[in-house]
């Protein structure tokens, strides 16, 4: 079993940070946990969550047989 962290804001999950045409960064969000970005480091997930006003959540991943 492996612990990872995901950032959630309301019903959306953090996917990635991308550069826009105005040379500023914006966050891309998704409504699917399968498309969300996972982090193994809680501190980095927490920093992202603080920037976007969301929360970092721990998820336990299990291998399927």
PDB file of N, CA and C in Angstrom:
ATOM      1  N   UNK A   1       0.836  -1.174   0.000  1.00  0.00           N
ATOM      2  CA  UNK A   1       0.000   0.000   0.000  1.00  0.00           C
ATOM      3  C   UNK A   1       0.892   1.251   0.000  1.00  0.00           C
ATOM      4  N   UNK A   2       0.488   2.242  -0.741  1.00  0.00           N
ATOM      5  CA  UNK A   2       1.291   3.442  -0.893  1.00  0.00           C
ATOM      6  C   UNK A   2       0.421   4.661  -0.584  1.00  0.00           C
ATOM      7  N   UNK A   3       0.945   5.601   0.206  1.00  0.00           N
ATOM      8  CA  UNK A   3       0.215   6.828   0.506  1.00  0.00           C
ATOM      9  C   UNK A   3       0.603   7.919  -0.474  1.00  0.00           C
ATOM     10  N   UNK A   4      -0.380   8.561  -1.053  1.00  0.00           N
ATOM     11  CA  UNK A   4      -0.158   9.719  -1.911  1.00  0.00           C
ATOM     12  C   UNK A   4      -1.141  10.799  -1.489  1.00  0.00           C
ATOM     13  N   UNK A   5      -0.928  12.004  -1.998  1.00  0.00           N
ATOM     14  CA  UNK A   5      -1.758  13.139  -1.637  1.00  0.00           C
ATOM     15  C   UNK A   5      -2.332  13.777  -2.892  1.00  0.00           C
ATOM     16  N   UNK A   6      -3.547  14.282  -2.770  1.00  0.00           N
ATOM     17  CA  UNK A   6      -4.212  14.953  -3.871  1.00  0.00           C
ATOM     18  C   UNK A   6      -4.761  16.270  -3.326  1.00  0.00           C
ATOM     19  N   UNK A   7      -4.819  17.287  -4.179  1.00  0.00           N
ATOM     20  CA  UNK A   7      -5.358  18.584  -3.783  1.00  0.00           C
ATOM     21  C   UNK A   7      -6.768  18.711  -4.332  1.00  0.00           C
ATOM     22  N   UNK A   8      -7.681  19.080  -3.444  1.00  0.00           N
ATOM     23  CA  UNK A   8      -9.086  19.202  -3.831  1.00  0.00           C
ATOM     24  C   UNK A   8      -9.592  20.605  -3.505  1.00  0.00           C
ATOM     25  N   UNK A   9     -10.381  21.148  -4.427  1.00  0.00           N
ATOM     26  CA  UNK A   9     -11.025  22.446  -4.245  1.00  0.00           C
ATOM     27  C   UNK A   9     -12.486  22.271  -4.622  1.00  0.00           C
ATOM     28  N   UNK A  10     -13.357  22.206  -3.631  1.00  0.00           N
ATOM     29  CA  UNK A  10     -14.775  21.935  -3.895  1.00  0.00           C
ATOM     30  C   UNK A  10     -14.928  20.539  -4.470  1.00  0.00           C
ATOM     31  N   UNK A  11     -15.523  20.431  -5.660  1.00  0.00           N
ATOM     32  CA  UNK A  11     -15.699  19.144  -6.333  1.00  0.00           C
ATOM     33  C   UNK A  11     -14.610  18.883  -7.371  1.00  0.00           C
ATOM     34  N   UNK A  12     -13.580  19.710  -7.401  1.00  0.00           N
ATOM     35  CA  UNK A  12     -12.529  19.585  -8.411  1.00  0.00           C
ATOM     36  C   UNK A  12     -11.207  19.184  -7.775  1.00  0.00           C
ATOM     37  N   UNK A  13     -10.386  18.514  -8.578  1.00  0.00           N
ATOM     38  CA  UNK A  13      -9.054  18.088  -8.164  1.00  0.00           C
ATOM     39  C   UNK A  13      -8.009  18.799  -9.007  1.00  0.00           C
ATOM     40  N   UNK A  14      -6.868  19.116  -8.372  1.00  0.00           N
ATOM     41  CA  UNK A  14      -5.761  19.765  -9.070  1.00  0.00           C
ATOM     42  C   UNK A  14      -5.146  18.795 -10.077  1.00  0.00           C
ATOM     43  N   UNK A  15      -4.954  19.289 -11.321  1.00  0.00           N
ATOM     44  CA  UNK A  15      -4.370  18.452 -12.367  1.00  0.00           C
ATOM     45  C   UNK A  15      -2.950  18.901 -12.698  1.00  0.00           C
ATOM     46  N   UNK A  16      -2.772  20.170 -13.053  1.00  0.00           N
ATOM     47  CA  UNK A  16      -1.440  20.658 -13.393  1.00  0.00           C
ATOM     48  C   UNK A  16      -1.401  22.167 -13.396  1.00  0.00           C
ATOM     49  N   UNK A  17      -0.205  22.696 -13.443  1.00  0.00           N
ATOM     50  CA  UNK A  17       0.023  24.129 -13.559  1.00  0.00           C
ATOM     51  C   UNK A  17       0.573  24.354 -14.963  1.00  0.00           C
ATOM     52  N   UNK A  18      -0.030  25.279 -15.687  1.00  0.00           N
ATOM     53  CA  UNK A  18       0.422  25.518 -17.057  1.00  0.00           C
ATOM     54  C   UNK A  18       0.620  27.001 -17.315  1.00  0.00           C
ATOM     55  N   UNK A  19       1.480  27.299 -18.267  1.00  0.00           N
ATOM     56  CA  UNK A  19       1.772  28.674 -18.651  1.00  0.00           C
ATOM     57  C   UNK A  19       0.723  29.135 -19.657  1.00  0.00           C
ATOM     58  N   UNK A  20       0.114  30.289 -19.402  1.00  0.00           N
ATOM     59  CA  UNK A  20      -0.902  30.810 -20.319  1.00  0.00           C
ATOM     60  C   UNK A  20      -0.258  31.731 -21.354  1.00  0.00           C
ATOM     61  N   UNK A  21      -1.046  32.187 -22.302  1.00  0.00           N
ATOM     62  CA  UNK A  21      -0.520  33.044 -23.372  1.00  0.00           C
ATOM     63  C   UNK A  21      -0.079  34.408 -22.847  1.00  0.00           C
ATOM     64  N   UNK A  22      -0.494  34.775 -21.660  1.00  0.00           N
ATOM     65  CA  UNK A  22      -0.088  36.058 -21.073  1.00  0.00           C
ATOM     66  C   UNK A  22       1.139  35.912 -20.175  1.00  0.00           C
ATOM     67  N   UNK A  23       1.842  34.784 -20.299  1.00  0.00           N
ATOM     68  CA  UNK A  23       3.051  34.481 -19.527  1.00  0.00           C
ATOM     69  C   UNK A  23       2.809  34.446 -18.023  1.00  0.00           C
ATOM     70  N   UNK A  24       1.617  34.048 -17.630  1.00  0.00           N
ATOM     71  CA  UNK A  24       1.307  33.811 -16.228  1.00  0.00           C
ATOM     72  C   UNK A  24       0.904  32.348 -16.091  1.00  0.00           C
ATOM     73  N   UNK A  25       1.020  31.839 -14.892  1.00  0.00           N
ATOM     74  CA  UNK A  25       0.659  30.444 -14.665  1.00  0.00           C
ATOM     75  C   UNK A  25      -0.780  30.348 -14.192  1.00  0.00           C
ATOM     76  N   UNK A  26      -1.436  29.266 -14.591  1.00  0.00           N
ATOM     77  CA  UNK A  26      -2.787  28.991 -14.110  1.00  0.00           C
ATOM     78  C   UNK A  26      -2.886  27.504 -13.791  1.00  0.00           C
ATOM     79  N   UNK A  27      -3.815  27.183 -12.931  1.00  0.00           N
ATOM     80  CA  UNK A  27      -4.008  25.796 -12.517  1.00  0.00           C
ATOM     81  C   UNK A  27      -5.119  25.172 -13.337  1.00  0.00           C
ATOM     82  N   UNK A  28      -4.876  23.963 -13.792  1.00  0.00           N
ATOM     83  CA  UNK A  28      -5.889  23.192 -14.488  1.00  0.00           C
ATOM     84  C   UNK A  28      -6.499  22.230 -13.474  1.00  0.00           C
ATOM     85  N   UNK A  29      -7.818  22.166 -13.457  1.00  0.00           N
ATOM     86  CA  UNK A  29      -8.537  21.316 -12.522  1.00  0.00           C
ATOM     87  C   UNK A  29      -9.325  20.260 -13.294  1.00  0.00           C
ATOM     88  N   UNK A  30      -9.681  19.185 -12.625  1.00  0.00           N
ATOM     89  CA  UNK A  30     -10.463  18.117 -13.231  1.00  0.00           C
ATOM     90  C   UNK A  30     -11.517  17.636 -12.228  1.00  0.00           C
ATOM     91  N   UNK A  31     -12.600  17.091 -12.757  1.00  0.00           N
ATOM     92  CA  UNK A  31     -13.629  16.559 -11.857  1.00  0.00           C
ATOM     93  C   UNK A  31     -13.469  15.050 -11.641  1.00  0.00           C
ATOM     94  N   UNK A  32     -12.414  14.476 -12.208  1.00  0.00           N
ATOM     95  CA  UNK A  32     -12.163  13.043 -12.088  1.00  0.00           C
ATOM     96  C   UNK A  32     -10.896  12.788 -11.275  1.00  0.00           C
ATOM     97  N   UNK A  33     -11.005  11.985 -10.247  1.00  0.00           N
ATOM     98  CA  UNK A  33      -9.839  11.641  -9.442  1.00  0.00           C
ATOM     99  C   UNK A  33      -8.797  10.890 -10.269  1.00  0.00           C
ATOM    100  N   UNK A  34      -9.232  10.156 -11.283  1.00  0.00           N
ATOM    101  CA  UNK A  34      -8.299   9.423 -12.146  1.00  0.00           C
ATOM    102  C   UNK A  34      -7.384  10.348 -12.939  1.00  0.00           C
ATOM    103  N   UNK A  35      -7.834  11.571 -13.224  1.00  0.00           N
ATOM    104  CA  UNK A  35      -7.036  12.525 -13.997  1.00  0.00           C
ATOM    105  C   UNK A  35      -6.260  13.496 -13.113  1.00  0.00           C
ATOM    106  N   UNK A  36      -6.444  13.406 -11.808  1.00  0.00           N
ATOM    107  CA  UNK A  36      -5.802  14.332 -10.878  1.00  0.00           C
ATOM    108  C   UNK A  36      -4.313  14.048 -10.752  1.00  0.00           C
ATOM    109  N   UNK A  37      -3.591  15.051 -10.299  1.00  0.00           N
ATOM    110  CA  UNK A  37      -2.160  14.926 -10.060  1.00  0.00           C
ATOM    111  C   UNK A  37      -1.943  14.459  -8.623  1.00  0.00           C
ATOM    112  N   UNK A  38      -1.170  13.392  -8.451  1.00  0.00           N
ATOM    113  CA  UNK A  38      -0.869  12.860  -7.127  1.00  0.00           C
ATOM    114  C   UNK A  38       0.541  13.248  -6.732  1.00  0.00           C
ATOM    115  N   UNK A  39       0.752  13.466  -5.456  1.00  0.00           N
ATOM    116  CA  UNK A  39       2.063  13.814  -4.930  1.00  0.00           C
ATOM    117  C   UNK A  39       2.409  12.858  -3.801  1.00  0.00           C
ATOM    118  N   UNK A  40       3.658  12.429  -3.745  1.00  0.00           N
ATOM    119  CA  UNK A  40       4.098  11.579  -2.648  1.00  0.00           C
ATOM    120  C   UNK A  40       4.541  12.411  -1.456  1.00  0.00           C
ATOM    121  N   UNK A  41       4.690  13.718  -1.658  1.00  0.00           N
ATOM    122  CA  UNK A  41       5.162  14.625  -0.613  1.00  0.00           C
ATOM    123  C   UNK A  41       4.014  15.491  -0.115  1.00  0.00           C
ATOM    124  N   UNK A  42       3.671  15.360   1.167  1.00  0.00           N
ATOM    125  CA  UNK A  42       2.559  16.125   1.725  1.00  0.00           C
ATOM    126  C   UNK A  42       2.825  17.627   1.672  1.00  0.00           C
ATOM    127  N   UNK A  43       4.061  18.041   1.946  1.00  0.00           N
ATOM    128  CA  UNK A  43       4.370  19.468   1.980  1.00  0.00           C
ATOM    129  C   UNK A  43       4.139  20.145   0.629  1.00  0.00           C
ATOM    130  N   UNK A  44       4.499  19.486  -0.464  1.00  0.00           N
ATOM    131  CA  UNK A  44       4.272  20.087  -1.782  1.00  0.00           C
ATOM    132  C   UNK A  44       2.782  20.144  -2.107  1.00  0.00           C
ATOM    133  N   UNK A  45       2.023  19.125  -1.723  1.00  0.00           N
ATOM    134  CA  UNK A  45       0.578  19.141  -1.939  1.00  0.00           C
ATOM    135  C   UNK A  45      -0.063  20.247  -1.106  1.00  0.00           C
ATOM    136  N   UNK A  46       0.413  20.428   0.105  1.00  0.00           N
ATOM    137  CA  UNK A  46      -0.120  21.465   0.989  1.00  0.00           C
ATOM    138  C   UNK A  46       0.150  22.865   0.429  1.00  0.00           C
ATOM    139  N   UNK A  47       1.333  23.079  -0.145  1.00  0.00           N
ATOM    140  CA  UNK A  47       1.667  24.381  -0.733  1.00  0.00           C
ATOM    141  C   UNK A  47       0.739  24.708  -1.902  1.00  0.00           C
ATOM    142  N   UNK A  48       0.491  23.731  -2.745  1.00  0.00           N
ATOM    143  CA  UNK A  48      -0.432  23.941  -3.875  1.00  0.00           C
ATOM    144  C   UNK A  48      -1.826  24.251  -3.356  1.00  0.00           C
ATOM    145  N   UNK A  49      -2.260  23.491  -2.358  1.00  0.00           N
ATOM    146  CA  UNK A  49      -3.593  23.693  -1.780  1.00  0.00           C
ATOM    147  C   UNK A  49      -3.739  25.098  -1.206  1.00  0.00           C
ATOM    148  N   UNK A  50      -2.719  25.582  -0.538  1.00  0.00           N
ATOM    149  CA  UNK A  50      -2.766  26.924   0.038  1.00  0.00           C
ATOM    150  C   UNK A  50      -2.841  27.996  -1.051  1.00  0.00           C
ATOM    151  N   UNK A  51      -2.149  27.779  -2.165  1.00  0.00           N
ATOM    152  CA  UNK A  51      -2.168  28.756  -3.263  1.00  0.00           C
ATOM    153  C   UNK A  51      -3.532  28.863  -3.925  1.00  0.00           C
ATOM    154  N   UNK A  52      -4.241  27.736  -4.038  1.00  0.00           N
ATOM    155  CA  UNK A  52      -5.519  27.768  -4.757  1.00  0.00           C
ATOM    156  C   UNK A  52      -6.725  27.798  -3.828  1.00  0.00           C
ATOM    157  N   UNK A  53      -6.492  27.738  -2.525  1.00  0.00           N
ATOM    158  CA  UNK A  53      -7.598  27.780  -1.575  1.00  0.00           C
ATOM    159  C   UNK A  53      -8.259  26.442  -1.327  1.00  0.00           C
ATOM    160  N   UNK A  54      -7.546  25.359  -1.641  1.00  0.00           N
ATOM    161  CA  UNK A  54      -8.102  24.020  -1.451  1.00  0.00           C
ATOM    162  C   UNK A  54      -7.494  23.338  -0.247  1.00  0.00           C
ATOM    163  N   UNK A  55      -7.625  22.022  -0.193  1.00  0.00           N
ATOM    164  CA  UNK A  55      -7.067  21.215   0.888  1.00  0.00           C
ATOM    165  C   UNK A  55      -6.359  20.005   0.300  1.00  0.00           C
ATOM    166  N   UNK A  56      -5.329  19.538   0.998  1.00  0.00           N
ATOM    167  CA  UNK A  56      -4.602  18.337   0.593  1.00  0.00           C
ATOM    168  C   UNK A  56      -5.186  17.143   1.340  1.00  0.00           C
ATOM    169  N   UNK A  57      -5.433  16.058   0.607  1.00  0.00           N
ATOM    170  CA  UNK A  57      -6.005  14.849   1.187  1.00  0.00           C
ATOM    171  C   UNK A  57      -5.089  13.668   0.936  1.00  0.00           C
ATOM    172  N   UNK A  58      -4.996  12.780   1.932  1.00  0.00           N
ATOM    173  CA  UNK A  58      -4.197  11.559   1.793  1.00  0.00           C
ATOM    174  C   UNK A  58      -5.053  10.479   1.174  1.00  0.00           C
ATOM    175  N   UNK A  59      -4.485   9.752   0.227  1.00  0.00           N
ATOM    176  CA  UNK A  59      -5.162   8.658  -0.444  1.00  0.00           C
ATOM    177  C   UNK A  59      -4.275   7.424  -0.329  1.00  0.00           C
ATOM    178  N   UNK A  60      -4.865   6.300   0.013  1.00  0.00           N
ATOM    179  CA  UNK A  60      -4.144   5.025   0.070  1.00  0.00           C
ATOM    180  C   UNK A  60      -4.350   4.283  -1.235  1.00  0.00           C
ATOM    181  N   UNK A  61      -3.269   4.017  -1.941  1.00  0.00           N
ATOM    182  CA  UNK A  61      -3.345   3.255  -3.178  1.00  0.00           C
ATOM    183  C   UNK A  61      -3.029   1.805  -2.884  1.00  0.00           C
ATOM    184  N   UNK A  62      -3.818   0.911  -3.433  1.00  0.00           N
ATOM    185  CA  UNK A  62      -3.609  -0.516  -3.269  1.00  0.00           C
ATOM    186  C   UNK A  62      -3.434  -1.157  -4.628  1.00  0.00           C
ATOM    187  N   UNK A  63      -2.578  -2.155  -4.700  1.00  0.00           N
ATOM    188  CA  UNK A  63      -2.389  -2.888  -5.943  1.00  0.00           C
ATOM    189  C   UNK A  63      -3.536  -3.875  -6.134  1.00  0.00           C
ATOM    190  N   UNK A  64      -4.064  -3.912  -7.343  1.00  0.00           N
ATOM    191  CA  UNK A  64      -5.118  -4.877  -7.665  1.00  0.00           C
ATOM    192  C   UNK A  64      -4.469  -6.163  -8.144  1.00  0.00           C
ATOM    193  N   UNK A  65      -5.037  -7.279  -7.770  1.00  0.00           N
ATOM    194  CA  UNK A  65      -4.473  -8.566  -8.196  1.00  0.00           C
ATOM    195  C   UNK A  65      -5.107  -9.033  -9.475  1.00  0.00           C
TER     196      UNK A  65
END
